[in-house]
PDB file of N, CA and C in Angstrom:
ATOM      1  N   MET A   1      22.172 -27.117  95.026  1.00  0.00           N
ATOM      2  CA  MET A   1      22.786 -28.059  94.122  1.00  0.00           C
ATOM      3  C   MET A   1      22.569 -29.447  94.702  1.00  0.00           C
ATOM      4  N   ALA A   2      22.061 -30.350  93.903  1.00  0.00           N
ATOM      5  CA  ALA A   2      21.791 -31.715  94.343  1.00  0.00           C
ATOM      6  C   ALA A   2      23.070 -32.528  94.275  1.00  0.00           C
ATOM      7  N   LYS A   3      23.276 -33.312  95.306  1.00  0.00           N
ATOM      8  CA  LYS A   3      24.449 -34.184  95.333  1.00  0.00           C
ATOM      9  C   LYS A   3      24.111 -35.467  94.597  1.00  0.00           C
ATOM     10  N   PRO A   4      25.093 -36.024  93.875  1.00  0.00           N
ATOM     11  CA  PRO A   4      24.810 -37.288  93.196  1.00  0.00           C
ATOM     12  C   PRO A   4      24.592 -38.399  94.215  1.00  0.00           C
ATOM     13  N   ALA A   5      23.715 -39.304  93.872  1.00  0.00           N
ATOM     14  CA  ALA A   5      23.442 -40.428  94.775  1.00  0.00           C
ATOM     15  C   ALA A   5      24.674 -41.309  94.864  1.00  0.00           C
ATOM     16  N   ARG A   6      25.002 -41.708  96.069  1.00  0.00           N
ATOM     17  CA  ARG A   6      26.164 -42.586  96.271  1.00  0.00           C
ATOM     18  C   ARG A   6      25.687 -44.031  96.321  1.00  0.00           C
ATOM     19  N   THR A   7      26.377 -44.836  95.578  1.00  0.00           N
ATOM     20  CA  THR A   7      26.054 -46.259  95.611  1.00  0.00           C
ATOM     21  C   THR A   7      27.212 -46.985  96.252  1.00  0.00           C
ATOM     22  N   VAL A   8      26.883 -47.837  97.171  1.00  0.00           N
ATOM     23  CA  VAL A   8      27.911 -48.621  97.862  1.00  0.00           C
ATOM     24  C   VAL A   8      27.808 -50.048  97.360  1.00  0.00           C
ATOM     25  N   LYS A   9      28.905 -50.556  96.824  1.00  0.00           N
ATOM     26  CA  LYS A   9      28.937 -51.926  96.318  1.00  0.00           C
ATOM     27  C   LYS A   9      29.911 -52.717  97.173  1.00  0.00           C
ATOM     28  N   THR A  10      29.546 -53.882  97.497  1.00  0.00           N
ATOM     29  CA  THR A  10      30.441 -54.753  98.254  1.00  0.00           C
ATOM     30  C   THR A  10      30.576 -56.075  97.533  1.00  0.00           C
ATOM     31  N   LEU A  11      31.704 -56.696  97.733  1.00  0.00           N
ATOM     32  CA  LEU A  11      31.944 -58.005  97.131  1.00  0.00           C
ATOM     33  C   LEU A  11      31.833 -59.076  98.212  1.00  0.00           C
ATOM     34  N   GLY A  12      30.681 -59.412  98.551  1.00  0.00           N
ATOM     35  CA  GLY A  12      30.505 -60.489  99.521  1.00  0.00           C
ATOM     36  C   GLY A  12      30.622 -59.987 100.942  1.00  0.00           C
ATOM     37  N   ASP A  13      30.808 -60.949 101.852  1.00  0.00           N
ATOM     38  CA  ASP A  13      30.824 -60.621 103.270  1.00  0.00           C
ATOM     39  C   ASP A  13      32.223 -60.418 103.814  1.00  0.00           C
ATOM     40  N   THR A  14      33.241 -60.499 102.995  1.00  0.00           N
ATOM     41  CA  THR A  14      34.591 -60.351 103.531  1.00  0.00           C
ATOM     42  C   THR A  14      34.824 -58.892 103.865  1.00  0.00           C
ATOM     43  N   ALA A  15      35.389 -58.642 105.016  1.00  0.00           N
ATOM     44  CA  ALA A  15      35.597 -57.285 105.502  1.00  0.00           C
ATOM     45  C   ALA A  15      36.562 -56.525 104.604  1.00  0.00           C
ATOM     46  N   CYS A  16      37.640 -57.141 104.184  1.00  0.00           N
ATOM     47  CA  CYS A  16      38.650 -56.461 103.369  1.00  0.00           C
ATOM     48  C   CYS A  16      38.092 -56.107 102.004  1.00  0.00           C
ATOM     49  N   GLY A  17      37.489 -57.051 101.337  1.00  0.00           N
ATOM     50  CA  GLY A  17      36.994 -56.817  99.988  1.00  0.00           C
ATOM     51  C   GLY A  17      35.908 -55.761  99.972  1.00  0.00           C
ATOM     52  N   GLY A  18      34.982 -55.812 100.883  1.00  0.00           N
ATOM     53  CA  GLY A  18      33.882 -54.857 100.958  1.00  0.00           C
ATOM     54  C   GLY A  18      34.385 -53.472 101.302  1.00  0.00           C
ATOM     55  N   LEU A  19      35.320 -53.371 102.230  1.00  0.00           N
ATOM     56  CA  LEU A  19      35.852 -52.079 102.656  1.00  0.00           C
ATOM     57  C   LEU A  19      36.654 -51.441 101.532  1.00  0.00           C
ATOM     58  N   GLY A  20      37.450 -52.248 100.840  1.00  0.00           N
ATOM     59  CA  GLY A  20      38.245 -51.717  99.737  1.00  0.00           C
ATOM     60  C   GLY A  20      37.373 -51.126  98.650  1.00  0.00           C
ATOM     61  N   LEU A  21      36.325 -51.819  98.304  1.00  0.00           N
ATOM     62  CA  LEU A  21      35.427 -51.315  97.266  1.00  0.00           C
ATOM     63  C   LEU A  21      34.670 -50.092  97.755  1.00  0.00           C
ATOM     64  N   LEU A  22      34.332 -50.041  99.038  1.00  0.00           N
ATOM     65  CA  LEU A  22      33.650 -48.889  99.617  1.00  0.00           C
ATOM     66  C   LEU A  22      34.563 -47.658  99.545  1.00  0.00           C
ATOM     67  N   VAL A  23      35.842 -47.817  99.869  1.00  0.00           N
ATOM     68  CA  VAL A  23      36.804 -46.709  99.810  1.00  0.00           C
ATOM     69  C   VAL A  23      36.961 -46.261  98.363  1.00  0.00           C
ATOM     70  N   MET A  24      37.069 -47.197  97.423  1.00  0.00           N
ATOM     71  CA  MET A  24      37.222 -46.842  96.015  1.00  0.00           C
ATOM     72  C   MET A  24      35.997 -46.093  95.502  1.00  0.00           C
ATOM     73  N   THR A  25      34.803 -46.525  95.923  1.00  0.00           N
ATOM     74  CA  THR A  25      33.577 -45.848  95.506  1.00  0.00           C
ATOM     75  C   THR A  25      33.540 -44.437  96.071  1.00  0.00           C
ATOM     76  N   SER A  26      33.962 -44.251  97.334  1.00  0.00           N
ATOM     77  CA  SER A  26      33.994 -42.921  97.945  1.00  0.00           C
ATOM     78  C   SER A  26      34.995 -42.023  97.230  1.00  0.00           C
ATOM     79  N   ILE A  27      36.139 -42.586  96.863  1.00  0.00           N
ATOM     80  CA  ILE A  27      37.145 -41.805  96.140  1.00  0.00           C
ATOM     81  C   ILE A  27      36.619 -41.436  94.758  1.00  0.00           C
ATOM     82  N   ASP A  28      35.980 -42.374  94.095  1.00  0.00           N
ATOM     83  CA  ASP A  28      35.409 -42.092  92.779  1.00  0.00           C
ATOM     84  C   ASP A  28      34.347 -40.994  92.866  1.00  0.00           C
ATOM     85  N   ASP A  29      33.506 -41.090  93.896  1.00  0.00           N
ATOM     86  CA  ASP A  29      32.475 -40.062  94.089  1.00  0.00           C
ATOM     87  C   ASP A  29      33.117 -38.697  94.362  1.00  0.00           C
ATOM     88  N   ALA A  30      34.121 -38.694  95.212  1.00  0.00           N
ATOM     89  CA  ALA A  30      34.803 -37.444  95.538  1.00  0.00           C
ATOM     90  C   ALA A  30      35.487 -36.872  94.303  1.00  0.00           C
ATOM     91  N   ALA A  31      36.106 -37.723  93.497  1.00  0.00           N
ATOM     92  CA  ALA A  31      36.762 -37.268  92.274  1.00  0.00           C
ATOM     93  C   ALA A  31      35.735 -36.693  91.303  1.00  0.00           C
ATOM     94  N   ALA A  32      34.578 -37.334  91.205  1.00  0.00           N
ATOM     95  CA  ALA A  32      33.523 -36.843  90.328  1.00  0.00           C
ATOM     96  C   ALA A  32      33.006 -35.487  90.815  1.00  0.00           C
ATOM     97  N   GLN A  33      32.846 -35.343  92.131  1.00  0.00           N
ATOM     98  CA  GLN A  33      32.392 -34.063  92.689  1.00  0.00           C
ATOM     99  C   GLN A  33      33.447 -32.971  92.453  1.00  0.00           C
ATOM    100  N   LEU A  34      34.715 -33.348  92.645  1.00  0.00           N
ATOM    101  CA  LEU A  34      35.796 -32.389  92.409  1.00  0.00           C
ATOM    102  C   LEU A  34      35.824 -31.976  90.948  1.00  0.00           C
ATOM    103  N   ASP A  35      35.678 -32.923  90.060  1.00  0.00           N
ATOM    104  CA  ASP A  35      35.669 -32.620  88.633  1.00  0.00           C
ATOM    105  C   ASP A  35      34.506 -31.698  88.282  1.00  0.00           C
ATOM    106  N   ALA A  36      33.346 -31.951  88.830  1.00  0.00           N
ATOM    107  CA  ALA A  36      32.173 -31.104  88.573  1.00  0.00           C
ATOM    108  C   ALA A  36      32.397 -29.697  89.132  1.00  0.00           C
ATOM    109  N   ALA A  37      32.984 -29.613  90.334  1.00  0.00           N
ATOM    110  CA  ALA A  37      33.262 -28.316  90.938  1.00  0.00           C
ATOM    111  C   ALA A  37      34.276 -27.528  90.109  1.00  0.00           C
ATOM    112  N   LEU A  38      35.303 -28.216  89.626  1.00  0.00           N
ATOM    113  CA  LEU A  38      36.309 -27.544  88.788  1.00  0.00           C
ATOM    114  C   LEU A  38      35.699 -27.066  87.472  1.00  0.00           C
ATOM    115  N   THR A  39      34.812 -27.863  86.918  1.00  0.00           N
ATOM    116  CA  THR A  39      34.129 -27.462  85.690  1.00  0.00           C
ATOM    117  C   THR A  39      33.291 -26.206  85.928  1.00  0.00           C
ATOM    118  N   ARG A  40      32.564 -26.184  87.055  1.00  0.00           N
ATOM    119  CA  ARG A  40      31.774 -24.989  87.387  1.00  0.00           C
ATOM    120  C   ARG A  40      32.676 -23.787  87.611  1.00  0.00           C
ATOM    121  N   LEU A  41      33.804 -24.000  88.295  1.00  0.00           N
ATOM    122  CA  LEU A  41      34.753 -22.914  88.548  1.00  0.00           C
ATOM    123  C   LEU A  41      35.318 -22.369  87.236  1.00  0.00           C
ATOM    124  N   GLU A  42      35.695 -23.253  86.335  1.00  0.00           N
ATOM    125  CA  GLU A  42      36.215 -22.816  85.040  1.00  0.00           C
ATOM    126  C   GLU A  42      35.171 -21.997  84.286  1.00  0.00           C
ATOM    127  N   GLY A  43      33.938 -22.457  84.336  1.00  0.00           N
ATOM    128  CA  GLY A  43      32.858 -21.712  83.674  1.00  0.00           C
ATOM    129  C   GLY A  43      32.666 -20.341  84.293  1.00  0.00           C
ATOM    130  N   ALA A  44      32.698 -20.292  85.617  1.00  0.00           N
ATOM    131  CA  ALA A  44      32.540 -19.003  86.296  1.00  0.00           C
ATOM    132  C   ALA A  44      33.699 -18.071  85.973  1.00  0.00           C
ATOM    133  N   LEU A  45      34.920 -18.607  85.951  1.00  0.00           N
ATOM    134  CA  LEU A  45      36.084 -17.777  85.630  1.00  0.00           C
ATOM    135  C   LEU A  45      36.047 -17.292  84.180  1.00  0.00           C
ATOM    136  N   ASP A  46      35.644 -18.177  83.268  1.00  0.00           N
ATOM    137  CA  ASP A  46      35.514 -17.772  81.863  1.00  0.00           C
ATOM    138  C   ASP A  46      34.505 -16.634  81.736  1.00  0.00           C
ATOM    139  N   SER A  47      33.389 -16.770  82.425  1.00  0.00           N
ATOM    140  CA  SER A  47      32.352 -15.744  82.400  1.00  0.00           C
ATOM    141  C   SER A  47      32.877 -14.437  82.988  1.00  0.00           C
ATOM    142  N   TYR A  48      33.571 -14.532  84.115  1.00  0.00           N
ATOM    143  CA  TYR A  48      34.137 -13.346  84.768  1.00  0.00           C
ATOM    144  C   TYR A  48      35.135 -12.648  83.855  1.00  0.00           C
ATOM    145  N   PHE A  49      36.067 -13.409  83.285  1.00  0.00           N
ATOM    146  CA  PHE A  49      37.090 -12.800  82.442  1.00  0.00           C
ATOM    147  C   PHE A  49      36.502 -12.250  81.138  1.00  0.00           C
ATOM    148  N   SER A  50      35.445 -12.869  80.643  1.00  0.00           N
ATOM    149  CA  SER A  50      34.826 -12.318  79.438  1.00  0.00           C
ATOM    150  C   SER A  50      34.150 -10.991  79.754  1.00  0.00           C
ATOM    151  N   ARG A  51      33.634 -10.834  80.983  1.00  0.00           N
ATOM    152  CA  ARG A  51      33.029  -9.559  81.377  1.00  0.00           C
ATOM    153  C   ARG A  51      34.085  -8.550  81.785  1.00  0.00           C
ATOM    154  N   ALA A  52      35.067  -8.985  82.555  1.00  0.00           N
ATOM    155  CA  ALA A  52      36.072  -8.078  83.110  1.00  0.00           C
ATOM    156  C   ALA A  52      37.243  -7.867  82.164  1.00  0.00           C
ATOM    157  N   GLY A  53      37.527  -8.809  81.334  1.00  0.00           N
ATOM    158  CA  GLY A  53      38.673  -8.707  80.445  1.00  0.00           C
ATOM    159  C   GLY A  53      39.956  -9.065  81.172  1.00  0.00           C
ATOM    160  N   ASP A  54      41.023  -9.002  80.443  1.00  0.00           N
ATOM    161  CA  ASP A  54      42.341  -9.312  80.982  1.00  0.00           C
ATOM    162  C   ASP A  54      42.741  -8.212  81.960  1.00  0.00           C
ATOM    163  N   PRO A  55      43.123  -8.558  83.190  1.00  0.00           N
ATOM    164  CA  PRO A  55      43.497  -7.531  84.171  1.00  0.00           C
ATOM    165  C   PRO A  55      44.636  -6.632  83.700  1.00  0.00           C
ATOM    166  N   ALA A  56      45.582  -7.179  82.964  1.00  0.00           N
ATOM    167  CA  ALA A  56      46.696  -6.357  82.473  1.00  0.00           C
ATOM    168  C   ALA A  56      46.188  -5.331  81.459  1.00  0.00           C
ATOM    169  N   VAL A  57      45.271  -5.757  80.607  1.00  0.00           N
ATOM    170  CA  VAL A  57      44.698  -4.843  79.620  1.00  0.00           C
ATOM    171  C   VAL A  57      43.853  -3.785  80.327  1.00  0.00           C
ATOM    172  N   ALA A  58      43.078  -4.212  81.317  1.00  0.00           N
ATOM    173  CA  ALA A  58      42.266  -3.257  82.073  1.00  0.00           C
ATOM    174  C   ALA A  58      43.155  -2.233  82.771  1.00  0.00           C
ATOM    175  N   ARG A  59      44.276  -2.667  83.332  1.00  0.00           N
ATOM    176  CA  ARG A  59      45.200  -1.746  83.999  1.00  0.00           C
ATOM    177  C   ARG A  59      45.780  -0.757  82.993  1.00  0.00           C
ATOM    178  N   GLN A  60      46.133  -1.246  81.798  1.00  0.00           N
ATOM    179  CA  GLN A  60      46.658  -0.359  80.755  1.00  0.00           C
ATOM    180  C   GLN A  60      45.614   0.676  80.356  1.00  0.00           C
ATOM    181  N   GLU A  61      44.362   0.244  80.246  1.00  0.00           N
ATOM    182  CA  GLU A  61      43.291   1.175  79.891  1.00  0.00           C
ATOM    183  C   GLU A  61      43.096   2.220  80.980  1.00  0.00           C
ATOM    184  N   VAL A  62      43.148   1.799  82.241  1.00  0.00           N
ATOM    185  CA  VAL A  62      43.015   2.742  83.351  1.00  0.00           C
ATOM    186  C   VAL A  62      44.173   3.731  83.340  1.00  0.00           C
ATOM    187  N   ASP A  63      45.387   3.243  83.105  1.00  0.00           N
ATOM    188  CA  ASP A  63      46.551   4.129  83.037  1.00  0.00           C
ATOM    189  C   ASP A  63      46.422   5.116  81.884  1.00  0.00           C
ATOM    190  N   ALA A  64      45.936   4.639  80.736  1.00  0.00           N
ATOM    191  CA  ALA A  64      45.756   5.521  79.583  1.00  0.00           C
ATOM    192  C   ALA A  64      44.693   6.575  79.874  1.00  0.00           C
ATOM    193  N   LEU A  65      43.614   6.162  80.535  1.00  0.00           N
ATOM    194  CA  LEU A  65      42.572   7.117  80.892  1.00  0.00           C
ATOM    195  C   LEU A  65      43.095   8.154  81.877  1.00  0.00           C
ATOM    196  N   ALA A  66      43.917   7.730  82.829  1.00  0.00           N
ATOM    197  CA  ALA A  66      44.493   8.668  83.800  1.00  0.00           C
ATOM    198  C   ALA A  66      45.426   9.652  83.102  1.00  0.00           C
ATOM    199  N   ALA A  67      46.211   9.168  82.155  1.00  0.00           N
ATOM    200  CA  ALA A  67      47.110  10.055  81.409  1.00  0.00           C
ATOM    201  C   ALA A  67      46.301  11.041  80.568  1.00  0.00           C
ATOM    202  N   ASP A  68      45.234  10.557  79.918  1.00  0.00           N
ATOM    203  CA  ASP A  68      44.373  11.444  79.134  1.00  0.00           C
ATOM    204  C   ASP A  68      43.729  12.500  80.023  1.00  0.00           C
ATOM    205  N   ARG A  69      43.288  12.079  81.195  1.00  0.00           N
ATOM    206  CA  ARG A  69      42.669  13.016  82.126  1.00  0.00           C
ATOM    207  C   ARG A  69      43.659  14.091  82.535  1.00  0.00           C
ATOM    208  N   ALA A  70      44.879  13.703  82.848  1.00  0.00           N
ATOM    209  CA  ALA A  70      45.905  14.673  83.240  1.00  0.00           C
ATOM    210  C   ALA A  70      46.204  15.641  82.095  1.00  0.00           C
ATOM    211  N   ARG A  71      46.303  15.103  80.876  1.00  0.00           N
ATOM    212  CA  ARG A  71      46.566  15.951  79.711  1.00  0.00           C
ATOM    213  C   ARG A  71      45.414  16.917  79.482  1.00  0.00           C
ATOM    214  N   LEU A  72      44.180  16.412  79.563  1.00  0.00           N
ATOM    215  CA  LEU A  72      43.014  17.266  79.354  1.00  0.00           C
ATOM    216  C   LEU A  72      42.889  18.325  80.445  1.00  0.00           C
ATOM    217  N   ALA A  73      43.215  17.961  81.675  1.00  0.00           N
ATOM    218  CA  ALA A  73      43.177  18.941  82.767  1.00  0.00           C
ATOM    219  C   ALA A  73      44.197  20.038  82.532  1.00  0.00           C
ATOM    220  N   SER A  74      45.369  19.668  82.069  1.00  0.00           N
ATOM    221  CA  SER A  74      46.408  20.653  81.767  1.00  0.00           C
ATOM    222  C   SER A  74      45.968  21.572  80.623  1.00  0.00           C
ATOM    223  N   GLU A  75      45.396  20.987  79.578  1.00  0.00           N
ATOM    224  CA  GLU A  75      44.900  21.777  78.461  1.00  0.00           C
ATOM    225  C   GLU A  75      43.770  22.708  78.895  1.00  0.00           C
ATOM    226  N   LEU A  76      42.908  22.216  79.773  1.00  0.00           N
ATOM    227  CA  LEU A  76      41.814  23.037  80.281  1.00  0.00           C
ATOM    228  C   LEU A  76      42.362  24.215  81.083  1.00  0.00           C
ATOM    229  N   ASP A  77      43.345  23.948  81.944  1.00  0.00           N
ATOM    230  CA  ASP A  77      43.960  25.031  82.712  1.00  0.00           C
ATOM    231  C   ASP A  77      44.571  26.078  81.788  1.00  0.00           C
ATOM    232  N   ALA A  78      45.273  25.635  80.743  1.00  0.00           N
ATOM    233  CA  ALA A  78      45.880  26.559  79.788  1.00  0.00           C
ATOM    234  C   ALA A  78      44.798  27.345  79.048  1.00  0.00           C
ATOM    235  N   SER A  79      43.709  26.677  78.675  1.00  0.00           N
ATOM    236  CA  SER A  79      42.621  27.351  77.966  1.00  0.00           C
ATOM    237  C   SER A  79      41.939  28.389  78.857  1.00  0.00           C
ATOM    238  N   VAL A  80      41.745  28.053  80.108  1.00  0.00           N
ATOM    239  CA  VAL A  80      41.131  29.003  81.039  1.00  0.00           C
ATOM    240  C   VAL A  80      42.042  30.216  81.226  1.00  0.00           C
ATOM    241  N   ALA A  81      43.339  29.973  81.355  1.00  0.00           N
ATOM    242  CA  ALA A  81      44.286  31.085  81.492  1.00  0.00           C
ATOM    243  C   ALA A  81      44.260  31.960  80.238  1.00  0.00           C
ATOM    244  N   ARG A  82      44.243  31.335  79.065  1.00  0.00           N
ATOM    245  CA  ARG A  82      44.201  32.090  77.814  1.00  0.00           C
ATOM    246  C   ARG A  82      42.896  32.869  77.703  1.00  0.00           C
ATOM    247  N   GLU A  83      41.794  32.272  78.119  1.00  0.00           N
ATOM    248  CA  GLU A  83      40.497  32.959  78.085  1.00  0.00           C
ATOM    249  C   GLU A  83      40.533  34.185  78.991  1.00  0.00           C
ATOM    250  N   ARG A  84      41.153  34.070  80.147  1.00  0.00           N
ATOM    251  CA  ARG A  84      41.267  35.221  81.052  1.00  0.00           C
ATOM    252  C   ARG A  84      42.104  36.329  80.418  1.00  0.00           C
ATOM    253  N   GLU A  85      43.207  35.943  79.763  1.00  0.00           N
ATOM    254  CA  GLU A  85      44.040  36.934  79.074  1.00  0.00           C
ATOM    255  C   GLU A  85      43.249  37.642  77.981  1.00  0.00           C
ATOM    256  N   LEU A  86      42.514  36.862  77.178  1.00  0.00           N
ATOM    257  CA  LEU A  86      41.726  37.437  76.100  1.00  0.00           C
ATOM    258  C   LEU A  86      40.613  38.332  76.636  1.00  0.00           C
ATOM    259  N   GLN A  87      40.019  37.927  77.747  1.00  0.00           N
ATOM    260  CA  GLN A  87      38.967  38.751  78.354  1.00  0.00           C
ATOM    261  C   GLN A  87      39.539  40.076  78.848  1.00  0.00           C
ATOM    262  N   ALA A  88      40.729  40.030  79.441  1.00  0.00           N
ATOM    263  CA  ALA A  88      41.385  41.270  79.894  1.00  0.00           C
ATOM    264  C   ALA A  88      41.696  42.167  78.701  1.00  0.00           C
ATOM    265  N   LEU A  89      42.183  41.566  77.604  1.00  0.00           N
ATOM    266  CA  LEU A  89      42.454  42.355  76.399  1.00  0.00           C
ATOM    267  C   LEU A  89      41.168  42.929  75.811  1.00  0.00           C
ATOM    268  N   ALA A  90      40.100  42.159  75.827  1.00  0.00           N
ATOM    269  CA  ALA A  90      38.805  42.631  75.320  1.00  0.00           C
ATOM    270  C   ALA A  90      38.295  43.778  76.181  1.00  0.00           C
ATOM    271  N   ASP A  91      38.469  43.668  77.493  1.00  0.00           N
ATOM    272  CA  ASP A  91      38.052  44.750  78.390  1.00  0.00           C
ATOM    273  C   ASP A  91      38.842  46.029  78.095  1.00  0.00           C
ATOM    274  N   GLU A  92      40.159  45.878  77.892  1.00  0.00           N
ATOM    275  CA  GLU A  92      40.997  47.039  77.557  1.00  0.00           C
ATOM    276  C   GLU A  92      40.562  47.659  76.234  1.00  0.00           C
ATOM    277  N   ALA A  93      40.307  46.816  75.244  1.00  0.00           N
ATOM    278  CA  ALA A  93      39.879  47.306  73.935  1.00  0.00           C
ATOM    279  C   ALA A  93      38.534  48.017  74.042  1.00  0.00           C
ATOM    280  N   SER A  94      37.638  47.463  74.844  1.00  0.00           N
ATOM    281  CA  SER A  94      36.324  48.071  75.027  1.00  0.00           C
ATOM    282  C   SER A  94      36.455  49.435  75.690  1.00  0.00           C
ATOM    283  N   GLU A  95      37.323  49.529  76.699  1.00  0.00           N
ATOM    284  CA  GLU A  95      37.554  50.823  77.361  1.00  0.00           C
ATOM    285  C   GLU A  95      38.161  51.819  76.375  1.00  0.00           C
ATOM    286  N   ALA A  96      39.137  51.369  75.588  1.00  0.00           N
ATOM    287  CA  ALA A  96      39.765  52.264  74.607  1.00  0.00           C
ATOM    288  C   ALA A  96      38.756  52.707  73.560  1.00  0.00           C
ATOM    289  N   LEU A  97      37.901  51.795  73.103  1.00  0.00           N
ATOM    290  CA  LEU A  97      36.880  52.129  72.119  1.00  0.00           C
ATOM    291  C   LEU A  97      35.875  53.110  72.721  1.00  0.00           C
ATOM    292  N   GLY A  98      35.498  52.868  73.971  1.00  0.00           N
ATOM    293  CA  GLY A  98      34.580  53.791  74.655  1.00  0.00           C
ATOM    294  C   GLY A  98      35.186  55.182  74.779  1.00  0.00           C
ATOM    295  N   ALA A  99      36.475  55.232  75.117  1.00  0.00           N
ATOM    296  CA  ALA A  99      37.159  56.533  75.221  1.00  0.00           C
ATOM    297  C   ALA A  99      37.222  57.202  73.853  1.00  0.00           C
ATOM    298  N   ALA A 100      37.490  56.445  72.797  1.00  0.00           N
ATOM    299  CA  ALA A 100      37.550  57.008  71.442  1.00  0.00           C
ATOM    300  C   ALA A 100      36.192  57.548  71.021  1.00  0.00           C
ATOM    301  N   ILE A 101      35.143  56.819  71.362  1.00  0.00           N
ATOM    302  CA  ILE A 101      33.784  57.276  71.029  1.00  0.00           C
ATOM    303  C   ILE A 101      33.494  58.596  71.737  1.00  0.00           C
ATOM    304  N   GLN A 102      33.886  58.673  73.013  1.00  0.00           N
ATOM    305  CA  GLN A 102      33.674  59.918  73.759  1.00  0.00           C
ATOM    306  C   GLN A 102      34.440  61.080  73.125  1.00  0.00           C
ATOM    307  N   GLU A 103      35.680  60.812  72.689  1.00  0.00           N
ATOM    308  CA  GLU A 103      36.480  61.864  72.042  1.00  0.00           C
ATOM    309  C   GLU A 103      35.835  62.318  70.736  1.00  0.00           C
ATOM    310  N   VAL A 104      35.319  61.366  69.942  1.00  0.00           N
ATOM    311  CA  VAL A 104      34.663  61.709  68.683  1.00  0.00           C
ATOM    312  C   VAL A 104      33.410  62.526  68.966  1.00  0.00           C
ATOM    313  N   ARG A 105      32.630  62.137  69.948  1.00  0.00           N
ATOM    314  CA  ARG A 105      31.419  62.884  70.297  1.00  0.00           C
ATOM    315  C   ARG A 105      31.775  64.301  70.748  1.00  0.00           C
ATOM    316  N   ALA A 106      32.832  64.372  71.581  1.00  0.00           N
ATOM    317  CA  ALA A 106      33.240  65.701  72.053  1.00  0.00           C
ATOM    318  C   ALA A 106      33.691  66.567  70.876  1.00  0.00           C
ATOM    319  N   ALA A 107      34.426  65.980  69.945  1.00  0.00           N
ATOM    320  CA  ALA A 107      34.886  66.733  68.773  1.00  0.00           C
ATOM    321  C   ALA A 107      33.710  67.153  67.916  1.00  0.00           C
ATOM    322  N   LEU A 108      32.718  66.280  67.749  1.00  0.00           N
ATOM    323  CA  LEU A 108      31.534  66.620  66.961  1.00  0.00           C
ATOM    324  C   LEU A 108      30.740  67.740  67.630  1.00  0.00           C
ATOM    325  N   GLU A 109      30.666  67.670  68.957  1.00  0.00           N
ATOM    326  CA  GLU A 109      29.936  68.723  69.669  1.00  0.00           C
ATOM    327  C   GLU A 109      30.633  70.067  69.491  1.00  0.00           C
ATOM    328  N   LYS A 110      31.976  70.067  69.544  1.00  0.00           N
ATOM    329  CA  LYS A 110      32.727  71.304  69.343  1.00  0.00           C
ATOM    330  C   LYS A 110      32.518  71.823  67.929  1.00  0.00           C
ATOM    331  N   THR A 111      32.500  70.932  66.963  1.00  0.00           N
ATOM    332  CA  THR A 111      32.307  71.318  65.565  1.00  0.00           C
ATOM    333  C   THR A 111      30.919  71.901  65.387  1.00  0.00           C
ATOM    334  N   GLU A 112      29.926  71.298  66.004  1.00  0.00           N
ATOM    335  CA  GLU A 112      28.544  71.792  65.899  1.00  0.00           C
ATOM    336  C   GLU A 112      28.421  73.151  66.580  1.00  0.00           C
ATOM    337  N   GLU A 113      29.086  73.274  67.734  1.00  0.00           N
ATOM    338  CA  GLU A 113      29.017  74.550  68.457  1.00  0.00           C
ATOM    339  C   GLU A 113      29.704  75.648  67.662  1.00  0.00           C
ATOM    340  N   SER A 114      30.851  75.341  67.110  1.00  0.00           N
ATOM    341  CA  SER A 114      31.558  76.344  66.342  1.00  0.00           C
ATOM    342  C   SER A 114      30.834  76.644  65.022  1.00  0.00           C
ATOM    343  N   GLY A 115      30.137  75.666  64.496  1.00  0.00           N
ATOM    344  CA  GLY A 115      29.360  75.851  63.275  1.00  0.00           C
ATOM    345  C   GLY A 115      28.123  76.683  63.541  1.00  0.00           C
ATOM    346  N   ASP A 116      27.508  76.581  64.717  1.00  0.00           N
ATOM    347  CA  ASP A 116      26.307  77.316  65.069  1.00  0.00           C
ATOM    348  C   ASP A 116      26.627  78.809  65.218  1.00  0.00           C
ATOM    349  N   GLY A 117      27.785  79.081  65.719  1.00  0.00           N
ATOM    350  CA  GLY A 117      28.172  80.471  65.932  1.00  0.00           C
ATOM    351  C   GLY A 117      28.490  81.178  64.641  1.00  0.00           C
ATOM    352  N   GLN A 118      28.832  80.479  63.576  1.00  0.00           N
ATOM    353  CA  GLN A 118      29.227  81.108  62.310  1.00  0.00           C
ATOM    354  C   GLN A 118      28.021  81.308  61.395  1.00  0.00           C
ATOM    355  N   GLY A 119      27.004  80.649  61.628  1.00  0.00           N
ATOM    356  CA  GLY A 119      25.960  80.607  60.672  1.00  0.00           C
ATOM    357  C   GLY A 119      24.851  81.451  60.881  1.00  0.00           C
TER     358      GLY A 119
END
């Protein structure tokens, strides 16, 4: 960043008059530099806040996301537990169906055997 050129003005050869104007010029230069720095800072902050948003709003969003995550984790745990229950019931039903099929086959075999002997 280039610094503005400083101009020193004096009013003649008197020590007081020249020094006073020199101090005023230095203060004016410093005030101008401060004003420029504050303008740059405001611009940087505006840019930052436009990207980051309001910290209070961001905190609320983070809290809402954390609450959603907790709720979804709880729902997932419940769903996994329910899936395990349903799988156990399906396994029981499959075993019962398999046993029923075996009983039907055994009954059919007995019927065929008893039918073969009569015919």
